[in-house]
């Protein structure tokens, strides 16, 4: 193997992506390294890059009535004119974009089988009873509907 070719390719890759270094300081700290989920080191996290790629690949499934958690960023970005109604679920009252206020683990107030698509990113790791949340998501999803989800609890290539 010609290592000069590999070194040249690595230099090219490094020149394309600016570095936003983490200043580690002391790891014996009680405060997070970043209070803005790493956005202070660049415009997009690695996880968001792959989530965007996945949702873009399946954007035709974002249609009719869509539920997204916390905000409707992906619904607006990838749903286009296929979305008839966009709902936003938030656990705490006061989110101006929330159309539904409920806890996913006890979401009895949401009617059965009303959503064609549910977009669930970076949510399950914050829910203690995530199995109950998944049961409620399945309950509110129409037969044949789709759930596009990501959680840091996932192992690579392991379904929710």
N, C-alpha and C. Protein backbone atom coordinates (compact mmCIF):
# COMPACT_ATOMS: atom_id res chain seq x y z
N UNK A 1 0.85 -1.18 0.00
CA UNK A 1 0.00 0.00 0.00
C UNK A 1 0.89 1.24 0.00
N UNK A 2 0.56 2.20 -0.79
CA UNK A 2 1.32 3.43 -0.88
C UNK A 2 0.82 4.40 0.19
N UNK A 3 1.61 4.57 1.26
CA UNK A 3 1.21 5.40 2.37
C UNK A 3 1.22 6.89 2.03
N UNK A 4 1.96 7.28 1.01
CA UNK A 4 1.98 8.68 0.59
C UNK A 4 0.60 9.10 0.06
N UNK A 5 -0.05 8.19 -0.64
CA UNK A 5 -1.40 8.48 -1.16
C UNK A 5 -2.37 8.66 0.00
N UNK A 6 -2.25 7.78 1.01
CA UNK A 6 -3.12 7.86 2.18
C UNK A 6 -2.87 9.16 2.93
N UNK A 7 -1.59 9.51 3.14
CA UNK A 7 -1.26 10.75 3.84
C UNK A 7 -1.80 11.97 3.09
N UNK A 8 -1.69 11.96 1.78
CA UNK A 8 -2.17 13.07 0.97
C UNK A 8 -3.69 13.19 1.09
N UNK A 9 -4.38 12.06 1.07
CA UNK A 9 -5.84 12.07 1.20
C UNK A 9 -6.25 12.59 2.58
N UNK A 10 -5.54 12.18 3.62
CA UNK A 10 -5.85 12.66 4.97
C UNK A 10 -5.63 14.16 5.09
N UNK A 11 -4.54 14.67 4.51
CA UNK A 11 -4.29 16.12 4.53
C UNK A 11 -5.42 16.86 3.81
N UNK A 12 -5.89 16.31 2.70
CA UNK A 12 -6.98 16.93 1.94
C UNK A 12 -8.26 16.98 2.77
N UNK A 13 -8.57 15.87 3.44
CA UNK A 13 -9.77 15.81 4.29
C UNK A 13 -9.65 16.82 5.42
N UNK A 14 -8.49 16.87 6.08
CA UNK A 14 -8.30 17.81 7.19
C UNK A 14 -8.43 19.25 6.74
N UNK A 15 -8.01 19.56 5.50
CA UNK A 15 -8.10 20.94 5.02
C UNK A 15 -9.55 21.34 4.72
N UNK A 16 -10.41 20.36 4.44
CA UNK A 16 -11.80 20.66 4.13
C UNK A 16 -12.64 20.96 5.36
N UNK A 17 -12.25 20.39 6.49
CA UNK A 17 -13.04 20.53 7.71
C UNK A 17 -12.24 21.28 8.76
N UNK A 18 -12.68 22.49 9.12
CA UNK A 18 -11.96 23.24 10.14
C UNK A 18 -12.09 22.55 11.50
N UNK A 19 -11.12 22.75 12.32
CA UNK A 19 -11.12 22.13 13.64
C UNK A 19 -11.76 23.05 14.66
N UNK A 20 -12.58 22.47 15.49
CA UNK A 20 -13.16 23.16 16.63
C UNK A 20 -12.78 22.32 17.84
N UNK A 21 -11.62 22.58 18.40
CA UNK A 21 -11.12 21.69 19.45
C UNK A 21 -11.91 21.79 20.75
N UNK A 22 -11.96 20.69 21.43
CA UNK A 22 -12.53 20.66 22.77
C UNK A 22 -11.41 21.04 23.73
N UNK A 23 -11.66 22.01 24.57
CA UNK A 23 -10.69 22.35 25.60
C UNK A 23 -11.08 21.52 26.82
N UNK A 24 -10.38 20.43 27.01
CA UNK A 24 -10.77 19.46 28.02
C UNK A 24 -10.63 20.00 29.43
N UNK A 25 -9.57 20.76 29.69
CA UNK A 25 -9.38 21.24 31.06
C UNK A 25 -9.31 20.06 31.99
N UNK A 26 -9.93 20.18 33.10
CA UNK A 26 -9.97 19.08 34.05
C UNK A 26 -11.25 18.28 33.83
N UNK A 27 -11.13 16.99 33.73
CA UNK A 27 -12.33 16.15 33.58
C UNK A 27 -13.02 15.93 34.93
N UNK A 28 -12.41 16.43 35.98
CA UNK A 28 -13.04 16.36 37.30
C UNK A 28 -13.85 17.63 37.47
N UNK A 29 -14.92 17.74 36.73
CA UNK A 29 -15.73 18.94 36.73
C UNK A 29 -17.18 18.57 36.91
N UNK A 30 -17.97 19.51 37.34
CA UNK A 30 -19.40 19.31 37.53
C UNK A 30 -20.23 20.03 36.48
N UNK A 31 -19.56 20.66 35.55
CA UNK A 31 -20.25 21.37 34.48
C UNK A 31 -19.97 20.67 33.15
N UNK A 32 -20.89 20.75 32.22
CA UNK A 32 -20.65 20.11 30.92
C UNK A 32 -19.57 20.83 30.13
N UNK A 33 -18.92 20.11 29.24
CA UNK A 33 -17.91 20.71 28.36
C UNK A 33 -18.57 21.73 27.45
N UNK A 34 -19.76 21.41 26.98
CA UNK A 34 -20.50 22.33 26.12
C UNK A 34 -21.92 22.41 26.63
N UNK A 35 -22.42 23.62 26.79
CA UNK A 35 -23.80 23.81 27.23
C UNK A 35 -24.78 23.87 26.06
N UNK A 36 -24.26 23.83 24.85
CA UNK A 36 -25.12 23.92 23.67
C UNK A 36 -24.95 22.68 22.78
N UNK A 37 -24.79 21.53 23.39
CA UNK A 37 -24.75 20.24 22.70
C UNK A 37 -23.69 20.17 21.60
N UNK A 38 -22.58 20.86 21.78
CA UNK A 38 -21.48 20.78 20.83
C UNK A 38 -21.58 21.73 19.66
N UNK A 39 -22.66 22.51 19.56
CA UNK A 39 -22.80 23.43 18.42
C UNK A 39 -21.76 24.56 18.47
N UNK A 40 -21.13 24.76 19.62
CA UNK A 40 -20.08 25.78 19.69
C UNK A 40 -18.80 25.31 19.01
N UNK A 41 -18.74 24.03 18.62
CA UNK A 41 -17.56 23.50 17.92
C UNK A 41 -17.82 23.29 16.43
N UNK A 42 -18.97 23.64 15.98
CA UNK A 42 -19.29 23.47 14.57
C UNK A 42 -20.78 23.52 14.35
N UNK A 43 -21.21 23.64 13.10
CA UNK A 43 -22.63 23.83 12.81
C UNK A 43 -23.49 22.57 13.00
N UNK A 44 -22.88 21.40 13.03
CA UNK A 44 -23.69 20.19 13.09
C UNK A 44 -22.92 19.08 13.80
N UNK A 45 -23.62 18.38 14.68
CA UNK A 45 -22.99 17.26 15.36
C UNK A 45 -22.90 16.06 14.41
N UNK A 46 -22.06 15.12 14.76
CA UNK A 46 -21.91 13.91 13.94
C UNK A 46 -23.22 13.14 13.89
N UNK A 47 -23.89 13.03 15.03
CA UNK A 47 -25.16 12.30 15.07
C UNK A 47 -26.19 12.97 14.16
N UNK A 48 -26.28 14.29 14.22
CA UNK A 48 -27.26 15.00 13.39
C UNK A 48 -26.96 14.81 11.90
N UNK A 49 -25.70 14.73 11.53
CA UNK A 49 -25.35 14.49 10.14
C UNK A 49 -25.99 13.19 9.65
N UNK A 50 -25.82 12.11 10.43
CA UNK A 50 -26.36 10.82 10.02
C UNK A 50 -27.88 10.75 10.14
N UNK A 51 -28.44 11.45 11.12
CA UNK A 51 -29.90 11.52 11.22
C UNK A 51 -30.47 12.23 9.98
N UNK A 52 -29.84 13.34 9.60
CA UNK A 52 -30.28 14.06 8.40
C UNK A 52 -30.22 13.17 7.16
N UNK A 53 -29.13 12.42 7.03
CA UNK A 53 -28.97 11.52 5.88
C UNK A 53 -30.08 10.47 5.86
N UNK A 54 -30.37 9.89 7.03
CA UNK A 54 -31.40 8.85 7.13
C UNK A 54 -32.78 9.42 6.79
N UNK A 55 -33.11 10.56 7.37
CA UNK A 55 -34.44 11.14 7.13
C UNK A 55 -34.57 11.59 5.68
N UNK A 56 -33.50 12.12 5.11
CA UNK A 56 -33.55 12.51 3.69
C UNK A 56 -33.81 11.30 2.80
N UNK A 57 -33.22 10.17 3.16
CA UNK A 57 -33.41 8.94 2.39
C UNK A 57 -34.86 8.45 2.45
N UNK A 58 -35.53 8.71 3.57
CA UNK A 58 -36.89 8.23 3.78
C UNK A 58 -37.91 9.38 3.80
N UNK A 59 -37.60 10.49 3.16
CA UNK A 59 -38.47 11.65 3.24
C UNK A 59 -39.85 11.44 2.60
N UNK A 60 -39.96 10.49 1.71
CA UNK A 60 -41.29 10.21 1.10
C UNK A 60 -42.27 9.68 2.15
N UNK A 61 -41.76 9.12 3.25
CA UNK A 61 -42.62 8.59 4.31
C UNK A 61 -43.15 9.69 5.24
N UNK A 62 -42.60 10.89 5.13
CA UNK A 62 -43.06 12.01 5.94
C UNK A 62 -44.22 12.65 5.19
N UNK A 63 -45.43 12.22 5.57
CA UNK A 63 -46.61 12.66 4.83
C UNK A 63 -47.84 12.65 5.72
N UNK A 64 -48.90 13.27 5.22
CA UNK A 64 -50.21 13.35 5.87
C UNK A 64 -50.07 14.00 7.25
N UNK A 65 -50.36 13.27 8.30
CA UNK A 65 -50.27 13.83 9.66
C UNK A 65 -49.00 13.33 10.33
N UNK A 66 -48.15 14.28 10.75
CA UNK A 66 -46.83 13.96 11.28
C UNK A 66 -46.71 14.48 12.70
N UNK A 67 -46.11 13.68 13.56
CA UNK A 67 -45.80 14.08 14.94
C UNK A 67 -44.29 14.15 15.09
N UNK A 68 -43.81 15.26 15.62
CA UNK A 68 -42.39 15.41 15.92
C UNK A 68 -42.26 15.90 17.36
N UNK A 69 -41.19 15.55 18.00
CA UNK A 69 -41.00 15.87 19.41
C UNK A 69 -40.19 17.16 19.55
N UNK A 70 -40.70 18.11 20.33
CA UNK A 70 -39.95 19.33 20.65
C UNK A 70 -40.06 20.44 19.63
N UNK A 71 -40.14 20.13 18.39
CA UNK A 71 -40.23 21.12 17.31
C UNK A 71 -40.47 20.39 16.00
N UNK A 72 -40.80 21.12 14.96
CA UNK A 72 -41.11 20.45 13.69
C UNK A 72 -40.06 20.72 12.61
N UNK A 73 -38.81 20.79 13.01
CA UNK A 73 -37.72 21.09 12.08
C UNK A 73 -37.64 20.10 10.93
N UNK A 74 -37.62 18.81 11.25
CA UNK A 74 -37.50 17.80 10.19
C UNK A 74 -38.76 17.71 9.35
N UNK A 75 -39.91 17.90 9.97
CA UNK A 75 -41.17 17.86 9.22
C UNK A 75 -41.18 18.96 8.16
N UNK A 76 -40.80 20.16 8.55
CA UNK A 76 -40.79 21.28 7.59
C UNK A 76 -39.71 21.09 6.53
N UNK A 77 -38.56 20.58 6.95
CA UNK A 77 -37.43 20.45 6.03
C UNK A 77 -37.61 19.35 5.00
N UNK A 78 -38.18 18.21 5.44
CA UNK A 78 -38.26 17.06 4.55
C UNK A 78 -39.69 16.67 4.14
N UNK A 79 -40.70 17.21 4.81
CA UNK A 79 -42.08 16.84 4.50
C UNK A 79 -42.64 17.54 3.29
N UNK A 80 -42.16 18.73 3.02
CA UNK A 80 -42.61 19.53 1.88
C UNK A 80 -44.13 19.62 1.82
N UNK A 81 -44.70 19.44 0.65
CA UNK A 81 -46.14 19.57 0.48
C UNK A 81 -46.89 18.27 0.77
N UNK A 82 -46.19 17.23 1.18
CA UNK A 82 -46.84 15.96 1.50
C UNK A 82 -47.51 15.98 2.87
N UNK A 83 -47.13 16.93 3.72
CA UNK A 83 -47.65 17.00 5.09
C UNK A 83 -48.93 17.83 5.11
N UNK A 84 -50.00 17.22 5.62
CA UNK A 84 -51.27 17.92 5.75
C UNK A 84 -51.40 18.57 7.11
N UNK A 85 -50.84 17.92 8.14
CA UNK A 85 -50.88 18.48 9.49
C UNK A 85 -49.61 18.10 10.22
N UNK A 86 -48.98 19.08 10.83
CA UNK A 86 -47.76 18.88 11.60
C UNK A 86 -48.05 19.13 13.06
N UNK A 87 -47.87 18.12 13.89
CA UNK A 87 -48.07 18.26 15.33
C UNK A 87 -46.73 18.18 16.03
N UNK A 88 -46.60 18.96 17.10
CA UNK A 88 -45.38 18.97 17.91
C UNK A 88 -45.77 18.59 19.33
N UNK A 89 -45.09 17.57 19.84
CA UNK A 89 -45.33 17.13 21.21
C UNK A 89 -44.22 17.65 22.11
N UNK A 90 -44.61 18.18 23.26
CA UNK A 90 -43.64 18.62 24.27
C UNK A 90 -44.17 18.22 25.63
N UNK A 91 -43.27 17.87 26.52
CA UNK A 91 -43.68 17.37 27.83
C UNK A 91 -44.06 18.50 28.79
N UNK A 92 -43.54 19.70 28.56
CA UNK A 92 -43.77 20.82 29.48
C UNK A 92 -44.61 21.88 28.78
N UNK A 93 -45.65 22.39 29.43
CA UNK A 93 -46.42 23.48 28.83
C UNK A 93 -45.53 24.72 28.67
N UNK A 94 -45.81 25.50 27.65
CA UNK A 94 -45.06 26.73 27.46
C UNK A 94 -44.26 26.77 26.18
N UNK A 95 -44.09 25.63 25.52
CA UNK A 95 -43.40 25.63 24.23
C UNK A 95 -44.39 26.19 23.21
N UNK A 96 -44.08 27.33 22.60
CA UNK A 96 -45.05 27.94 21.68
C UNK A 96 -45.37 27.12 20.44
N UNK A 97 -44.46 26.22 20.05
CA UNK A 97 -44.74 25.41 18.86
C UNK A 97 -45.45 24.09 19.19
N UNK A 98 -45.63 23.80 20.47
CA UNK A 98 -46.26 22.54 20.86
C UNK A 98 -47.77 22.58 20.61
N UNK A 99 -48.25 21.56 19.90
CA UNK A 99 -49.68 21.42 19.69
C UNK A 99 -50.26 20.36 20.63
N UNK A 100 -49.37 19.53 21.19
CA UNK A 100 -49.77 18.50 22.14
C UNK A 100 -48.80 18.56 23.32
N UNK A 101 -49.35 18.65 24.53
CA UNK A 101 -48.52 18.61 25.73
C UNK A 101 -48.84 17.30 26.44
N UNK A 102 -47.83 16.42 26.49
CA UNK A 102 -48.03 15.11 27.12
C UNK A 102 -46.68 14.47 27.40
N UNK A 103 -46.69 13.54 28.32
CA UNK A 103 -45.52 12.73 28.62
C UNK A 103 -45.67 11.44 27.81
N UNK A 104 -44.69 11.12 26.99
CA UNK A 104 -44.80 9.94 26.13
C UNK A 104 -44.98 8.65 26.91
N UNK A 105 -44.46 8.57 28.10
CA UNK A 105 -44.58 7.32 28.85
C UNK A 105 -45.98 7.14 29.44
N UNK A 106 -46.77 8.21 29.50
CA UNK A 106 -48.15 8.11 30.00
C UNK A 106 -49.09 8.89 29.09
N UNK A 107 -48.95 8.73 27.81
CA UNK A 107 -49.65 9.56 26.83
C UNK A 107 -51.06 9.07 26.52
N UNK A 108 -51.85 8.87 27.54
CA UNK A 108 -53.22 8.37 27.35
C UNK A 108 -54.13 9.39 26.70
N UNK A 109 -53.77 10.67 26.75
CA UNK A 109 -54.64 11.71 26.19
C UNK A 109 -54.55 11.81 24.67
N UNK A 110 -53.55 11.19 24.07
CA UNK A 110 -53.41 11.22 22.61
C UNK A 110 -54.25 10.09 22.02
N UNK A 111 -55.14 10.38 21.09
CA UNK A 111 -56.00 9.33 20.51
C UNK A 111 -55.19 8.26 19.76
N UNK A 112 -55.78 7.09 19.62
CA UNK A 112 -55.14 5.97 18.92
C UNK A 112 -55.09 6.23 17.41
N UNK A 113 -54.04 5.71 16.79
CA UNK A 113 -53.90 5.62 15.33
C UNK A 113 -54.23 6.92 14.60
N UNK A 114 -53.57 8.02 14.97
CA UNK A 114 -53.86 9.29 14.29
C UNK A 114 -52.69 9.83 13.48
N UNK A 115 -51.48 9.27 13.66
CA UNK A 115 -50.32 9.80 12.95
C UNK A 115 -49.84 8.83 11.88
N UNK A 116 -49.53 9.37 10.71
CA UNK A 116 -48.95 8.58 9.62
C UNK A 116 -47.45 8.42 9.80
N UNK A 117 -46.84 9.42 10.44
CA UNK A 117 -45.39 9.41 10.61
C UNK A 117 -45.06 10.05 11.96
N UNK A 118 -44.08 9.48 12.65
CA UNK A 118 -43.57 10.06 13.89
C UNK A 118 -42.07 10.21 13.74
N UNK A 119 -41.57 11.41 13.99
CA UNK A 119 -40.13 11.67 13.95
C UNK A 119 -39.66 11.85 15.38
N UNK A 120 -38.79 10.94 15.81
CA UNK A 120 -38.38 10.86 17.21
C UNK A 120 -36.85 10.85 17.29
N UNK A 121 -36.26 12.02 17.48
CA UNK A 121 -34.80 12.08 17.55
C UNK A 121 -34.37 12.63 18.91
N UNK A 122 -33.34 12.02 19.46
CA UNK A 122 -32.75 12.46 20.74
C UNK A 122 -33.81 12.62 21.82
N UNK A 123 -34.67 11.64 21.99
CA UNK A 123 -35.74 11.76 22.96
C UNK A 123 -35.74 10.62 23.97
N UNK A 124 -35.63 9.38 23.50
CA UNK A 124 -35.80 8.22 24.39
C UNK A 124 -34.81 8.19 25.55
N UNK A 125 -33.61 8.73 25.36
CA UNK A 125 -32.64 8.67 26.44
C UNK A 125 -33.03 9.55 27.62
N UNK A 126 -34.02 10.43 27.42
CA UNK A 126 -34.48 11.30 28.50
C UNK A 126 -35.74 10.77 29.19
N UNK A 127 -36.24 9.65 28.73
CA UNK A 127 -37.47 9.08 29.29
C UNK A 127 -37.12 7.85 30.11
N UNK A 128 -37.49 7.87 31.39
CA UNK A 128 -37.16 6.75 32.27
C UNK A 128 -37.82 5.46 31.79
N UNK A 129 -39.13 5.51 31.56
CA UNK A 129 -39.87 4.32 31.12
C UNK A 129 -40.00 4.36 29.60
N UNK A 130 -38.89 4.15 28.90
CA UNK A 130 -38.90 4.28 27.45
C UNK A 130 -39.70 3.16 26.78
N UNK A 131 -39.83 2.02 27.41
CA UNK A 131 -40.64 0.94 26.83
C UNK A 131 -42.12 1.35 26.77
N UNK A 132 -42.58 2.00 27.82
CA UNK A 132 -43.95 2.50 27.82
C UNK A 132 -44.12 3.58 26.74
N UNK A 133 -43.12 4.43 26.60
CA UNK A 133 -43.17 5.46 25.56
C UNK A 133 -43.27 4.82 24.17
N UNK A 134 -42.50 3.77 23.93
CA UNK A 134 -42.55 3.09 22.64
C UNK A 134 -43.92 2.44 22.41
N UNK A 135 -44.51 1.89 23.48
CA UNK A 135 -45.86 1.31 23.34
C UNK A 135 -46.87 2.39 22.96
N UNK A 136 -46.77 3.57 23.58
CA UNK A 136 -47.69 4.67 23.25
C UNK A 136 -47.44 5.19 21.83
N UNK A 137 -46.20 5.24 21.42
CA UNK A 137 -45.91 5.66 20.04
C UNK A 137 -46.51 4.68 19.05
N UNK A 138 -46.41 3.40 19.34
CA UNK A 138 -47.01 2.39 18.46
C UNK A 138 -48.53 2.53 18.44
N UNK A 139 -49.11 2.85 19.58
CA UNK A 139 -50.56 2.99 19.70
C UNK A 139 -51.08 4.18 18.88
N UNK A 140 -50.35 5.30 18.88
CA UNK A 140 -50.84 6.49 18.18
C UNK A 140 -50.49 6.49 16.69
N UNK A 141 -49.63 5.56 16.28
CA UNK A 141 -49.24 5.45 14.88
C UNK A 141 -50.27 4.64 14.11
N UNK A 142 -50.67 5.15 12.96
CA UNK A 142 -51.63 4.43 12.11
C UNK A 142 -51.02 3.13 11.61
N UNK A 143 -51.84 2.12 11.34
CA UNK A 143 -51.30 0.90 10.71
C UNK A 143 -50.64 1.25 9.39
N UNK A 144 -49.44 0.76 9.19
CA UNK A 144 -48.68 1.07 7.99
C UNK A 144 -47.89 2.36 8.09
N UNK A 145 -48.04 3.08 9.21
CA UNK A 145 -47.29 4.33 9.40
C UNK A 145 -45.85 4.05 9.74
N UNK A 146 -45.04 5.10 9.81
CA UNK A 146 -43.62 4.91 10.07
C UNK A 146 -43.11 5.77 11.20
N UNK A 147 -42.14 5.23 11.93
CA UNK A 147 -41.47 5.95 12.98
C UNK A 147 -40.00 6.08 12.61
N UNK A 148 -39.53 7.30 12.44
CA UNK A 148 -38.11 7.55 12.18
C UNK A 148 -37.52 7.98 13.50
N UNK A 149 -36.68 7.13 14.07
CA UNK A 149 -36.18 7.43 15.41
C UNK A 149 -34.70 7.23 15.57
N UNK A 150 -34.14 7.97 16.50
CA UNK A 150 -32.75 7.82 16.89
C UNK A 150 -32.66 8.06 18.38
N UNK A 151 -31.86 7.23 19.03
CA UNK A 151 -31.62 7.41 20.44
C UNK A 151 -30.19 7.02 20.75
N UNK A 152 -29.58 7.70 21.68
CA UNK A 152 -28.22 7.34 22.04
C UNK A 152 -28.18 6.01 22.80
N UNK A 153 -29.35 5.46 23.11
CA UNK A 153 -29.40 4.12 23.70
C UNK A 153 -29.18 3.04 22.66
N UNK A 154 -29.34 3.40 21.39
CA UNK A 154 -29.16 2.42 20.31
C UNK A 154 -27.71 2.00 20.21
N UNK A 155 -27.52 0.76 19.82
CA UNK A 155 -26.22 0.30 19.37
C UNK A 155 -26.26 0.42 17.86
N UNK A 156 -25.12 0.55 17.19
CA UNK A 156 -25.14 0.65 15.73
C UNK A 156 -25.90 -0.51 15.10
N UNK A 157 -26.74 -0.20 14.12
CA UNK A 157 -27.52 -1.18 13.37
C UNK A 157 -28.51 -1.96 14.24
N UNK A 158 -28.89 -1.39 15.38
CA UNK A 158 -29.88 -2.04 16.23
C UNK A 158 -31.16 -1.23 16.19
N UNK A 159 -32.28 -1.85 15.84
CA UNK A 159 -33.52 -1.09 15.79
C UNK A 159 -33.97 -0.66 17.17
N UNK A 160 -34.82 0.38 17.20
CA UNK A 160 -35.38 0.83 18.47
C UNK A 160 -36.23 -0.29 19.00
